[in-house]
Amino acid sequence: CEQTGAKLVVAPMDDRGDVPLAGIEARLGKNT
């Protein structure tokens, strides 16, 4: 990201230590 100007996006983890699939899907887009 520093080399190219791209952006790092993070799908959040919940308090069980899991990553809900909905959080990943919500952050996917044409720029991913």
All heavy atoms as atom14 arrays in JSON, in Angstrom:
{
  "sequence": "CEQTGAKLVVAPMDDRGDVPLAGIEARLGKNT",
  "atom14_mask": [
    [1, 1, 1, 1, 1, 1, 0, 0, 0, 0, 0, 0, 0, 0],
    [1, 1, 1, 1, 1, 1, 1, 1, 1, 0, 0, 0, 0, 0],
    [1, 1, 1, 1, 1, 1, 1, 1, 1, 0, 0, 0, 0, 0],
    [1, 1, 1, 1, 1, 1, 1, 0, 0, 0, 0, 0, 0, 0],
    [1, 1, 1, 1, 0, 0, 0, 0, 0, 0, 0, 0, 0, 0],
    [1, 1, 1, 1, 1, 0, 0, 0, 0, 0, 0, 0, 0, 0],
    [1, 1, 1, 1, 1, 1, 1, 1, 1, 0, 0, 0, 0, 0],
    [1, 1, 1, 1, 1, 1, 1, 1, 0, 0, 0, 0, 0, 0],
    [1, 1, 1, 1, 1, 1, 1, 0, 0, 0, 0, 0, 0, 0],
    [1, 1, 1, 1, 1, 1, 1, 0, 0, 0, 0, 0, 0, 0],
    [1, 1, 1, 1, 1, 0, 0, 0, 0, 0, 0, 0, 0, 0],
    [1, 1, 1, 1, 1, 1, 1, 0, 0, 0, 0, 0, 0, 0],
    [1, 1, 1, 1, 1, 1, 1, 1, 0, 0, 0, 0, 0, 0],
    [1, 1, 1, 1, 1, 1, 1, 1, 0, 0, 0, 0, 0, 0],
    [1, 1, 1, 1, 1, 1, 1, 1, 0, 0, 0, 0, 0, 0],
    [1, 1, 1, 1, 1, 1, 1, 1, 1, 1, 1, 0, 0, 0],
    [1, 1, 1, 1, 0, 0, 0, 0, 0, 0, 0, 0, 0, 0],
    [1, 1, 1, 1, 1, 1, 1, 1, 0, 0, 0, 0, 0, 0],
    [1, 1, 1, 1, 1, 1, 1, 0, 0, 0, 0, 0, 0, 0],
    [1, 1, 1, 1, 1, 1, 1, 0, 0, 0, 0, 0, 0, 0],
    [1, 1, 1, 1, 1, 1, 1, 1, 0, 0, 0, 0, 0, 0],
    [1, 1, 1, 1, 1, 0, 0, 0, 0, 0, 0, 0, 0, 0],
    [1, 1, 1, 1, 0, 0, 0, 0, 0, 0, 0, 0, 0, 0],
    [1, 1, 1, 1, 1, 1, 1, 1, 0, 0, 0, 0, 0, 0],
    [1, 1, 1, 1, 1, 1, 1, 1, 1, 0, 0, 0, 0, 0],
    [1, 1, 1, 1, 1, 0, 0, 0, 0, 0, 0, 0, 0, 0],
    [1, 1, 1, 1, 1, 1, 1, 1, 1, 1, 1, 0, 0, 0],
    [1, 1, 1, 1, 1, 1, 1, 1, 0, 0, 0, 0, 0, 0],
    [1, 1, 1, 1, 0, 0, 0, 0, 0, 0, 0, 0, 0, 0],
    [1, 1, 1, 1, 1, 1, 1, 1, 1, 0, 0, 0, 0, 0],
    [1, 1, 1, 1, 1, 1, 1, 1, 0, 0, 0, 0, 0, 0],
    [1, 1, 1, 1, 1, 1, 1, 0, 0, 0, 0, 0, 0, 0]
  ],
  "atom14_positions": [
    [[0.83, -1.21, 0.0], [0.0, 0.0, 0.0], [0.86, 1.26, 0.0], [0.58, 2.23, -0.72], [-0.94, 0.0, 1.21], [-2.3, -1.18, 1.08], [0.0, 0.0, 0.0], [0.0, 0.0, 0.0], [0.0, 0.0, 0.0], [0.0, 0.0, 0.0], [0.0, 0.0, 0.0], [0.0, 0.0, 0.0], [0.0, 0.0, 0.0], [0.0, 0.0, 0.0]],
    [[1.93, 1.25, 0.78], [2.84, 2.4, 0.79], [3.51, 2.58, -0.57], [3.76, 3.71, -1.02], [3.9, 2.21, 1.87], [3.36, 2.29, 3.3], [4.4, 1.89, 4.34], [5.53, 1.51, 3.94], [4.09, 1.95, 5.55], [0.0, 0.0, 0.0], [0.0, 0.0, 0.0], [0.0, 0.0, 0.0], [0.0, 0.0, 0.0], [0.0, 0.0, 0.0]],
    [[3.81, 1.48, -1.24], [4.5, 1.53, -2.52], [3.6, 1.94, -3.68], [4.07, 2.5, -4.67], [5.12, 0.16, -2.82], [6.25, -0.23, -1.87], [6.52, -1.73, -1.86], [5.71, -2.53, -2.33], [7.65, -2.12, -1.3], [0.0, 0.0, 0.0], [0.0, 0.0, 0.0], [0.0, 0.0, 0.0], [0.0, 0.0, 0.0], [0.0, 0.0, 0.0]],
    [[2.31, 1.65, -3.57], [1.41, 1.83, -4.72], [0.32, 2.88, -4.51], [-0.33, 3.28, -5.48], [0.72, 0.5, -5.06], [-0.12, 0.12, -3.97], [1.75, -0.59, -5.34], [0.0, 0.0, 0.0], [0.0, 0.0, 0.0], [0.0, 0.0, 0.0], [0.0, 0.0, 0.0], [0.0, 0.0, 0.0], [0.0, 0.0, 0.0], [0.0, 0.0, 0.0]],
    [[0.08, 3.27, -3.27], [-1.04, 4.16, -2.99], [-2.35, 3.43, -2.78], [-3.4, 4.05, -2.62], [0.0, 0.0, 0.0], [0.0, 0.0, 0.0], [0.0, 0.0, 0.0], [0.0, 0.0, 0.0], [0.0, 0.0, 0.0], [0.0, 0.0, 0.0], [0.0, 0.0, 0.0], [0.0, 0.0, 0.0], [0.0, 0.0, 0.0], [0.0, 0.0, 0.0]],
    [[-2.32, 2.1, -2.78], [-3.52, 1.33, -2.5], [-3.89, 1.46, -1.02], [-3.11, 1.96, -0.2], [-3.32, -0.14, -2.87], [0.0, 0.0, 0.0], [0.0, 0.0, 0.0], [0.0, 0.0, 0.0], [0.0, 0.0, 0.0], [0.0, 0.0, 0.0], [0.0, 0.0, 0.0], [0.0, 0.0, 0.0], [0.0, 0.0, 0.0], [0.0, 0.0, 0.0]],
    [[-5.08, 0.98, -0.67], [-5.6, 1.1, 0.69], [-5.81, -0.28, 1.3], [-6.31, -1.19, 0.65], [-6.93, 1.86, 0.65], [-7.62, 2.02, 2.01], [-8.96, 2.73, 1.85], [-9.69, 2.84, 3.18], [-11.03, 3.47, 3.02], [0.0, 0.0, 0.0], [0.0, 0.0, 0.0], [0.0, 0.0, 0.0], [0.0, 0.0, 0.0], [0.0, 0.0, 0.0]],
    [[-5.43, -0.41, 2.58], [-5.66, -1.65, 3.3], [-7.0, -1.56, 4.03], [-7.23, -0.63, 4.8], [-4.54, -1.9, 4.31], [-4.54, -3.27, 4.99], [-4.24, -4.38, 3.99], [-3.53, -3.31, 6.14], [0.0, 0.0, 0.0], [0.0, 0.0, 0.0], [0.0, 0.0, 0.0], [0.0, 0.0, 0.0], [0.0, 0.0, 0.0], [0.0, 0.0, 0.0]],
    [[-7.87, -2.54, 3.8], [-9.2, -2.58, 4.41], [-9.26, -3.83, 5.3], [-8.8, -4.9, 4.91], [-10.3, -2.64, 3.35], [-11.69, -2.73, 3.99], [-10.21, -1.42, 2.43], [0.0, 0.0, 0.0], [0.0, 0.0, 0.0], [0.0, 0.0, 0.0], [0.0, 0.0, 0.0], [0.0, 0.0, 0.0], [0.0, 0.0, 0.0], [0.0, 0.0, 0.0]],
    [[-9.84, -3.67, 6.49], [-9.85, -4.76, 7.47], [-11.29, -5.16, 7.79], [-12.08, -4.33, 8.25], [-9.12, -4.37, 8.77], [-9.11, -5.54, 9.75], [-7.7, -3.92, 8.46], [0.0, 0.0, 0.0], [0.0, 0.0, 0.0], [0.0, 0.0, 0.0], [0.0, 0.0, 0.0], [0.0, 0.0, 0.0], [0.0, 0.0, 0.0], [0.0, 0.0, 0.0]],
    [[-11.63, -6.43, 7.56], [-12.92, -6.96, 7.99], [-12.83, -7.3, 9.48], [-11.91, -8.01, 9.89], [-13.29, -8.2, 7.19], [0.0, 0.0, 0.0], [0.0, 0.0, 0.0], [0.0, 0.0, 0.0], [0.0, 0.0, 0.0], [0.0, 0.0, 0.0], [0.0, 0.0, 0.0], [0.0, 0.0, 0.0], [0.0, 0.0, 0.0], [0.0, 0.0, 0.0]],
    [[-13.76, -6.82, 10.31], [-13.58, -6.92, 11.76], [-13.81, -8.31, 12.31], [-14.52, -9.13, 11.74], [-14.64, -5.95, 12.3], [-15.71, -5.93, 11.25], [-14.99, -6.08, 9.94], [0.0, 0.0, 0.0], [0.0, 0.0, 0.0], [0.0, 0.0, 0.0], [0.0, 0.0, 0.0], [0.0, 0.0, 0.0], [0.0, 0.0, 0.0], [0.0, 0.0, 0.0]],
    [[-13.19, -8.53, 13.45], [-13.35, -9.76, 14.22], [-14.33, -9.5, 15.34], [-14.37, -8.4, 15.91], [-11.98, -10.17, 14.78], [-11.97, -11.38, 15.68], [-10.27, -11.75, 16.22], [-9.87, -10.24, 17.12], [0.0, 0.0, 0.0], [0.0, 0.0, 0.0], [0.0, 0.0, 0.0], [0.0, 0.0, 0.0], [0.0, 0.0, 0.0], [0.0, 0.0, 0.0]],
    [[-15.13, -10.5, 15.71], [-16.06, -10.32, 16.82], [-15.42, -10.79, 18.13], [-14.26, -11.21, 18.16], [-17.4, -11.02, 16.55], [-17.28, -12.54, 16.44], [-16.33, -13.13, 17.0], [-18.15, -13.16, 15.8], [0.0, 0.0, 0.0], [0.0, 0.0, 0.0], [0.0, 0.0, 0.0], [0.0, 0.0, 0.0], [0.0, 0.0, 0.0], [0.0, 0.0, 0.0]],
    [[-16.17, -10.73, 19.22], [-15.6, -11.02, 20.53], [-15.44, -12.51, 20.81], [-14.92, -12.89, 21.87], [-16.45, -10.35, 21.63], [-16.31, -8.85, 21.63], [-15.27, -8.36, 21.13], [-17.22, -8.15, 22.11], [0.0, 0.0, 0.0], [0.0, 0.0, 0.0], [0.0, 0.0, 0.0], [0.0, 0.0, 0.0], [0.0, 0.0, 0.0], [0.0, 0.0, 0.0]],
    [[-15.87, -13.35, 19.88], [-15.56, -14.78, 19.98], [-14.26, -15.12, 19.27], [-13.79, -16.25, 19.34], [-16.69, -15.62, 19.4], [-18.04, -15.47, 20.08], [-19.06, -16.42, 19.46], [-19.18, -16.22, 18.01], [-19.9, -17.0, 17.21], [-20.54, -18.06, 17.72], [-19.98, -16.76, 15.92], [0.0, 0.0, 0.0], [0.0, 0.0, 0.0], [0.0, 0.0, 0.0]],
    [[-13.72, -14.14, 18.56], [-12.54, -14.4, 17.76], [-12.86, -14.94, 16.39], [-12.02, -15.55, 15.73], [0.0, 0.0, 0.0], [0.0, 0.0, 0.0], [0.0, 0.0, 0.0], [0.0, 0.0, 0.0], [0.0, 0.0, 0.0], [0.0, 0.0, 0.0], [0.0, 0.0, 0.0], [0.0, 0.0, 0.0], [0.0, 0.0, 0.0], [0.0, 0.0, 0.0]],
    [[-14.06, -14.68, 15.91], [-14.51, -15.11, 14.59], [-14.61, -13.89, 13.69], [-14.69, -12.75, 14.17], [-15.86, -15.81, 14.69], [-16.08, -16.83, 13.59], [-15.24, -16.91, 12.67], [-17.1, -17.55, 13.64], [0.0, 0.0, 0.0], [0.0, 0.0, 0.0], [0.0, 0.0, 0.0], [0.0, 0.0, 0.0], [0.0, 0.0, 0.0], [0.0, 0.0, 0.0]],
    [[-14.62, -14.11, 12.38], [-14.8, -13.04, 11.4], [-16.08, -13.33, 10.64], [-16.1, -14.23, 9.77], [-13.61, -12.92, 10.44], [-13.86, -11.82, 9.42], [-12.32, -12.65, 11.2], [0.0, 0.0, 0.0], [0.0, 0.0, 0.0], [0.0, 0.0, 0.0], [0.0, 0.0, 0.0], [0.0, 0.0, 0.0], [0.0, 0.0, 0.0], [0.0, 0.0, 0.0]],
    [[-17.17, -12.63, 10.93], [-18.43, -12.89, 10.22], [-18.28, -12.68, 8.72], [-17.68, -11.7, 8.27], [-19.39, -11.87, 10.84], [-18.81, -11.55, 12.19], [-17.32, -11.62, 11.99], [0.0, 0.0, 0.0], [0.0, 0.0, 0.0], [0.0, 0.0, 0.0], [0.0, 0.0, 0.0], [0.0, 0.0, 0.0], [0.0, 0.0, 0.0], [0.0, 0.0, 0.0]],
    [[-18.83, -13.58, 7.96], [-18.76, -13.5, 6.5], [-19.41, -12.22, 5.99], [-18.96, -11.63, 5.0], [-19.43, -14.73, 5.89], [-19.07, -15.09, 4.45], [-17.58, -15.32, 4.31], [-19.86, -16.31, 4.02], [0.0, 0.0, 0.0], [0.0, 0.0, 0.0], [0.0, 0.0, 0.0], [0.0, 0.0, 0.0], [0.0, 0.0, 0.0], [0.0, 0.0, 0.0]],
    [[-20.44, -11.77, 6.7], [-21.12, -10.55, 6.27], [-20.2, -9.35, 6.31], [-20.3, -8.44, 5.48], [-22.34, -10.3, 7.17], [0.0, 0.0, 0.0], [0.0, 0.0, 0.0], [0.0, 0.0, 0.0], [0.0, 0.0, 0.0], [0.0, 0.0, 0.0], [0.0, 0.0, 0.0], [0.0, 0.0, 0.0], [0.0, 0.0, 0.0], [0.0, 0.0, 0.0]],
    [[-19.28, -9.33, 7.27], [-18.34, -8.22, 7.36], [-17.36, -8.2, 6.2], [-16.93, -7.13, 5.75], [0.0, 0.0, 0.0], [0.0, 0.0, 0.0], [0.0, 0.0, 0.0], [0.0, 0.0, 0.0], [0.0, 0.0, 0.0], [0.0, 0.0, 0.0], [0.0, 0.0, 0.0], [0.0, 0.0, 0.0], [0.0, 0.0, 0.0], [0.0, 0.0, 0.0]],
    [[-17.0, -9.37, 5.72], [-16.13, -9.45, 4.55], [-16.89, -9.02, 3.3], [-16.41, -8.2, 2.51], [-15.6, -10.88, 4.39], [-14.67, -11.24, 5.55], [-14.88, -11.06, 3.04], [-14.2, -12.67, 5.57], [0.0, 0.0, 0.0], [0.0, 0.0, 0.0], [0.0, 0.0, 0.0], [0.0, 0.0, 0.0], [0.0, 0.0, 0.0], [0.0, 0.0, 0.0]],
    [[-18.11, -9.54, 3.15], [-18.9, -9.21, 1.97], [-19.19, -7.72, 1.9], [-19.15, -7.12, 0.8], [-20.21, -10.0, 2.01], [-21.06, -9.86, 0.77], [-22.23, -10.81, 0.74], [-22.56, -11.38, 1.81], [-22.83, -11.0, -0.34], [0.0, 0.0, 0.0], [0.0, 0.0, 0.0], [0.0, 0.0, 0.0], [0.0, 0.0, 0.0], [0.0, 0.0, 0.0]],
    [[-19.43, -7.09, 3.05], [-19.76, -5.67, 3.07], [-18.58, -4.8, 2.63], [-18.78, -3.65, 2.19], [-20.2, -5.25, 4.47], [0.0, 0.0, 0.0], [0.0, 0.0, 0.0], [0.0, 0.0, 0.0], [0.0, 0.0, 0.0], [0.0, 0.0, 0.0], [0.0, 0.0, 0.0], [0.0, 0.0, 0.0], [0.0, 0.0, 0.0], [0.0, 0.0, 0.0]],
    [[-17.38, -5.32, 2.74], [-16.19, -4.52, 2.41], [-15.6, -4.86, 1.05], [-14.59, -4.27, 0.66], [-15.14, -4.7, 3.53], [-15.55, -3.95, 4.79], [-14.85, -4.44, 6.04], [-15.28, -3.65, 7.18], [-16.42, -3.84, 7.85], [-17.26, -4.82, 7.47], [-16.74, -3.07, 8.86], [0.0, 0.0, 0.0], [0.0, 0.0, 0.0], [0.0, 0.0, 0.0]],
    [[-16.2, -5.79, 0.36], [-15.78, -6.1, -1.0], [-16.45, -5.13, -1.97], [-17.62, -4.77, -1.81], [-16.18, -7.53, -1.37], [-15.32, -8.66, -0.8], [-16.04, -9.98, -0.97], [-13.97, -8.69, -1.5], [0.0, 0.0, 0.0], [0.0, 0.0, 0.0], [0.0, 0.0, 0.0], [0.0, 0.0, 0.0], [0.0, 0.0, 0.0], [0.0, 0.0, 0.0]],
    [[-15.69, -4.71, -2.98], [-16.26, -3.81, -3.97], [-15.42, -3.79, -5.22], [-14.46, -4.55, -5.37], [0.0, 0.0, 0.0], [0.0, 0.0, 0.0], [0.0, 0.0, 0.0], [0.0, 0.0, 0.0], [0.0, 0.0, 0.0], [0.0, 0.0, 0.0], [0.0, 0.0, 0.0], [0.0, 0.0, 0.0], [0.0, 0.0, 0.0], [0.0, 0.0, 0.0]],
    [[-15.75, -2.89, -6.12], [-15.06, -2.84, -7.41], [-13.58, -2.47, -7.26], [-12.78, -2.74, -8.16], [-15.76, -1.85, -8.34], [-15.81, -0.42, -7.84], [-16.55, 0.48, -8.81], [-16.65, 1.91, -8.29], [-15.33, 2.56, -8.11], [0.0, 0.0, 0.0], [0.0, 0.0, 0.0], [0.0, 0.0, 0.0], [0.0, 0.0, 0.0], [0.0, 0.0, 0.0]],
    [[-13.22, -1.86, -6.13], [-11.83, -1.48, -5.92], [-10.99, -2.57, -5.25], [-9.78, -2.43, -5.15], [-11.75, -0.2, -5.09], [-12.33, 1.0, -5.8], [-12.25, 1.1, -7.03], [-12.93, 1.92, -5.06], [0.0, 0.0, 0.0], [0.0, 0.0, 0.0], [0.0, 0.0, 0.0], [0.0, 0.0, 0.0], [0.0, 0.0, 0.0], [0.0, 0.0, 0.0]],
    [[-11.64, -3.63, -4.79], [-10.92, -4.71, -4.12], [-10.17, -5.55, -5.15], [-10.78, -6.15, -6.03], [-11.88, -5.62, -3.33], [-12.72, -4.83, -2.5], [-11.09, -6.59, -2.48], [0.0, 0.0, 0.0], [0.0, 0.0, 0.0], [0.0, 0.0, 0.0], [0.0, 0.0, 0.0], [0.0, 0.0, 0.0], [0.0, 0.0, 0.0], [0.0, 0.0, 0.0]]
  ]
}
